[in-house]
Amino acid sequence: MKYCLFLLSLFLFSSAYSQVKNDSLPPVKKDLTAEECKIAAKRYAEMTDTETYKQFTSHTIKMVKMLHGATPPDLHISDKEAVRTWLTTNIAQTDFASVDEGVEMIHDQYVLMEKVYSENADVYTYMRRATRRQLGQITAAHKQDAFDRLYEESDKQ
């Protein structure tokens, strides 16, 4: 269950980022230099230590638990009415006390996600240019920390 929560949170984070930024960013050449990869890894580690990122991660874990396996079709959107429509039909599949609670929690997730991106645009520019192997190198140090935090959060509840 904990592993599923972690994978779902990573999926939400990465798919939301690609959808939000996809239309506004031109194509880029993949492959960072060795120096750029080191800088990206350092900046990624710094990003994961920010209060905004910690809030985003904590909120993601709470939201994933509340969704209880249900997946809104457009979680990345800021359109509260679209989220409300989905929740009205699917509220019984979630652990939200009400549609309003769910709408606010999902919208807050979108706002936090946007804040993380805007505060760390350089990191996401590097990540967008990185190859898959380089992405693994950039995020490697954080992966174990993320699993540890996920388990700590899950154990508290």
Protein backbone atom coordinates (compact mmCIF):
# COMPACT_ATOMS: atom_id res chain seq x y z
CA MET A 1 0.00 0.00 0.00
CA LYS A 2 2.78 2.42 0.92
CA TYR A 3 4.59 1.66 -2.31
CA CYS A 4 1.38 2.28 -4.27
CA LEU A 5 0.87 5.62 -2.54
CA PHE A 6 4.40 6.67 -3.40
CA LEU A 7 4.05 5.64 -7.04
CA LEU A 8 0.70 7.37 -7.34
CA SER A 9 2.09 10.57 -5.85
CA LEU A 10 5.05 10.51 -8.25
CA PHE A 11 2.68 9.86 -11.16
CA LEU A 12 0.44 12.74 -10.15
CA PHE A 13 3.41 15.05 -9.77
CA SER A 14 5.07 14.15 -13.06
CA SER A 15 1.93 13.93 -15.18
CA ALA A 16 0.59 17.17 -13.78
CA TYR A 17 3.85 18.93 -14.51
CA SER A 18 4.00 17.67 -18.08
CA GLN A 19 0.38 18.62 -18.74
CA VAL A 20 0.64 22.06 -17.15
CA LYS A 21 3.86 22.97 -18.93
CA ASN A 22 3.50 20.96 -22.15
CA ASP A 23 1.64 23.54 -24.20
CA SER A 24 3.79 26.49 -23.21
CA LEU A 25 7.26 24.99 -23.70
CA PRO A 26 9.00 24.53 -27.05
CA PRO A 27 10.76 21.26 -27.84
CA VAL A 28 14.28 20.96 -26.45
CA LYS A 29 17.31 18.86 -27.26
CA LYS A 30 17.70 16.06 -24.73
CA ASP A 31 20.98 15.36 -22.94
CA LEU A 32 22.63 17.49 -20.31
CA THR A 33 26.36 17.95 -20.03
CA ALA A 34 28.02 16.27 -17.04
CA GLU A 35 28.31 19.66 -15.33
CA GLU A 36 24.64 20.49 -15.98
CA CYS A 37 23.63 17.11 -14.57
CA LYS A 38 25.60 17.82 -11.37
CA ILE A 39 24.01 21.26 -11.07
CA ALA A 40 20.55 19.78 -11.68
CA ALA A 41 21.08 17.11 -9.00
CA LYS A 42 22.23 19.76 -6.52
CA ARG A 43 19.29 22.04 -7.30
CA TYR A 44 16.86 19.12 -7.13
CA ALA A 45 18.17 18.20 -3.68
CA GLU A 46 17.83 21.84 -2.60
CA MET A 47 14.28 21.95 -3.98
CA THR A 48 13.24 18.86 -2.02
CA ASP A 49 14.44 20.56 1.15
CA THR A 50 12.22 23.64 0.69
CA GLU A 51 9.12 24.22 2.77
CA THR A 52 6.97 24.47 -0.36
CA TYR A 53 8.12 21.08 -1.62
CA LYS A 54 7.61 19.51 1.80
CA GLN A 55 4.08 20.95 1.93
CA PHE A 56 3.41 19.63 -1.57
CA THR A 57 4.66 16.15 -0.66
CA SER A 58 2.70 16.03 2.59
CA HIS A 59 -0.45 17.27 0.87
CA THR A 60 0.01 14.71 -1.91
CA ILE A 61 0.19 11.86 0.59
CA LYS A 62 -2.96 13.07 2.37
CA MET A 63 -4.82 13.55 -0.90
CA VAL A 64 -3.85 10.14 -2.26
CA LYS A 65 -5.17 8.55 0.93
CA MET A 66 -8.42 10.51 0.68
CA LEU A 67 -8.86 9.54 -2.97
CA HIS A 68 -8.68 5.93 -1.78
CA GLY A 69 -7.62 4.65 -5.19
CA ALA A 70 -9.99 6.79 -7.23
CA THR A 71 -8.27 8.91 -9.87
CA PRO A 72 -9.82 12.14 -11.06
CA PRO A 73 -9.56 12.35 -14.85
CA ASP A 74 -7.89 15.78 -14.83
CA LEU A 75 -6.22 16.14 -11.46
CA HIS A 76 -3.81 18.71 -12.85
CA ILE A 77 -6.46 21.22 -13.82
CA SER A 78 -7.39 24.28 -11.83
CA ASP A 79 -11.04 24.16 -12.95
CA LYS A 80 -12.94 23.57 -9.73
CA GLU A 81 -16.20 22.86 -11.57
CA ALA A 82 -14.66 19.97 -13.53
CA VAL A 83 -13.33 18.53 -10.27
CA ARG A 84 -16.73 19.08 -8.62
CA THR A 85 -18.49 17.24 -11.45
CA TRP A 86 -16.15 14.28 -11.14
CA LEU A 87 -16.43 14.21 -7.34
CA THR A 88 -20.22 14.45 -7.38
CA THR A 89 -20.30 11.19 -9.32
CA ASN A 90 -17.42 9.49 -7.50
CA ILE A 91 -17.58 10.78 -3.90
CA ALA A 92 -18.49 7.31 -2.57
CA GLN A 93 -15.18 5.92 -3.87
CA THR A 94 -13.22 8.48 -1.83
CA ASP A 95 -12.78 9.24 1.84
CA PHE A 96 -13.76 12.90 1.49
CA ALA A 97 -16.49 13.97 3.90
CA SER A 98 -18.08 16.09 1.18
CA VAL A 99 -17.70 17.16 -2.43
CA ASP A 100 -16.65 20.62 -1.23
CA GLU A 101 -13.85 19.16 0.91
CA GLY A 102 -12.60 17.13 -2.05
CA VAL A 103 -12.74 20.06 -4.46
CA GLU A 104 -10.75 22.25 -2.10
CA MET A 105 -8.16 19.57 -1.39
CA ILE A 106 -7.62 18.80 -5.09
CA HIS A 107 -7.49 22.50 -5.95
CA ASP A 108 -5.01 23.14 -3.13
CA GLN A 109 -2.84 20.38 -4.61
CA TYR A 110 -2.87 22.16 -7.96
CA VAL A 111 -1.92 25.47 -6.31
CA LEU A 112 0.95 23.86 -4.39
CA MET A 113 2.16 22.13 -7.54
CA GLU A 114 2.22 25.43 -9.42
CA LYS A 115 4.11 27.05 -6.56
CA VAL A 116 6.76 24.31 -6.56
CA TYR A 117 7.21 24.74 -10.31
CA SER A 118 7.39 28.51 -10.23
CA GLU A 119 9.92 28.53 -7.38
CA ASN A 120 12.09 25.92 -9.10
CA ALA A 121 11.75 26.62 -12.82
CA ASP A 122 15.46 26.03 -13.40
CA VAL A 123 15.25 22.53 -11.91
CA TYR A 124 12.37 21.58 -14.18
CA THR A 125 14.13 23.06 -17.20
CA TYR A 126 17.11 20.80 -16.49
CA MET A 127 14.83 17.82 -15.91
CA ARG A 128 12.98 18.48 -19.14
CA ARG A 129 16.26 18.42 -21.04
CA ALA A 130 17.62 15.35 -19.24
CA THR A 131 17.64 11.86 -20.67
CA ARG A 132 15.97 9.10 -18.65
CA ARG A 133 19.33 7.98 -17.30
CA GLN A 134 20.16 11.55 -16.27
CA LEU A 135 16.78 11.92 -14.57
CA GLY A 136 17.67 8.89 -12.49
CA GLN A 137 20.98 10.51 -11.56
CA ILE A 138 19.34 13.84 -10.72
CA THR A 139 16.73 12.28 -8.44
CA ALA A 140 18.77 9.35 -7.04
CA ALA A 141 19.72 10.94 -3.72
CA HIS A 142 16.15 12.01 -3.08
CA LYS A 143 14.50 8.66 -3.84
CA GLN A 144 15.51 6.98 -0.59
CA ASP A 145 14.55 10.08 1.39
CA ALA A 146 11.15 10.09 -0.28
CA PHE A 147 10.51 6.45 0.60
CA ASP A 148 11.61 7.08 4.19
CA ARG A 149 9.29 10.08 4.52
CA LEU A 150 6.42 8.17 2.95
CA TYR A 151 6.81 5.34 5.43
CA GLU A 152 7.08 7.76 8.34
CA GLU A 153 3.90 9.55 7.26
CA SER A 154 2.04 6.27 6.77
CA ASP A 155 3.20 4.90 10.12
CA LYS A 156 1.90 7.99 11.93
CA GLN A 157 -1.62 7.27 10.78
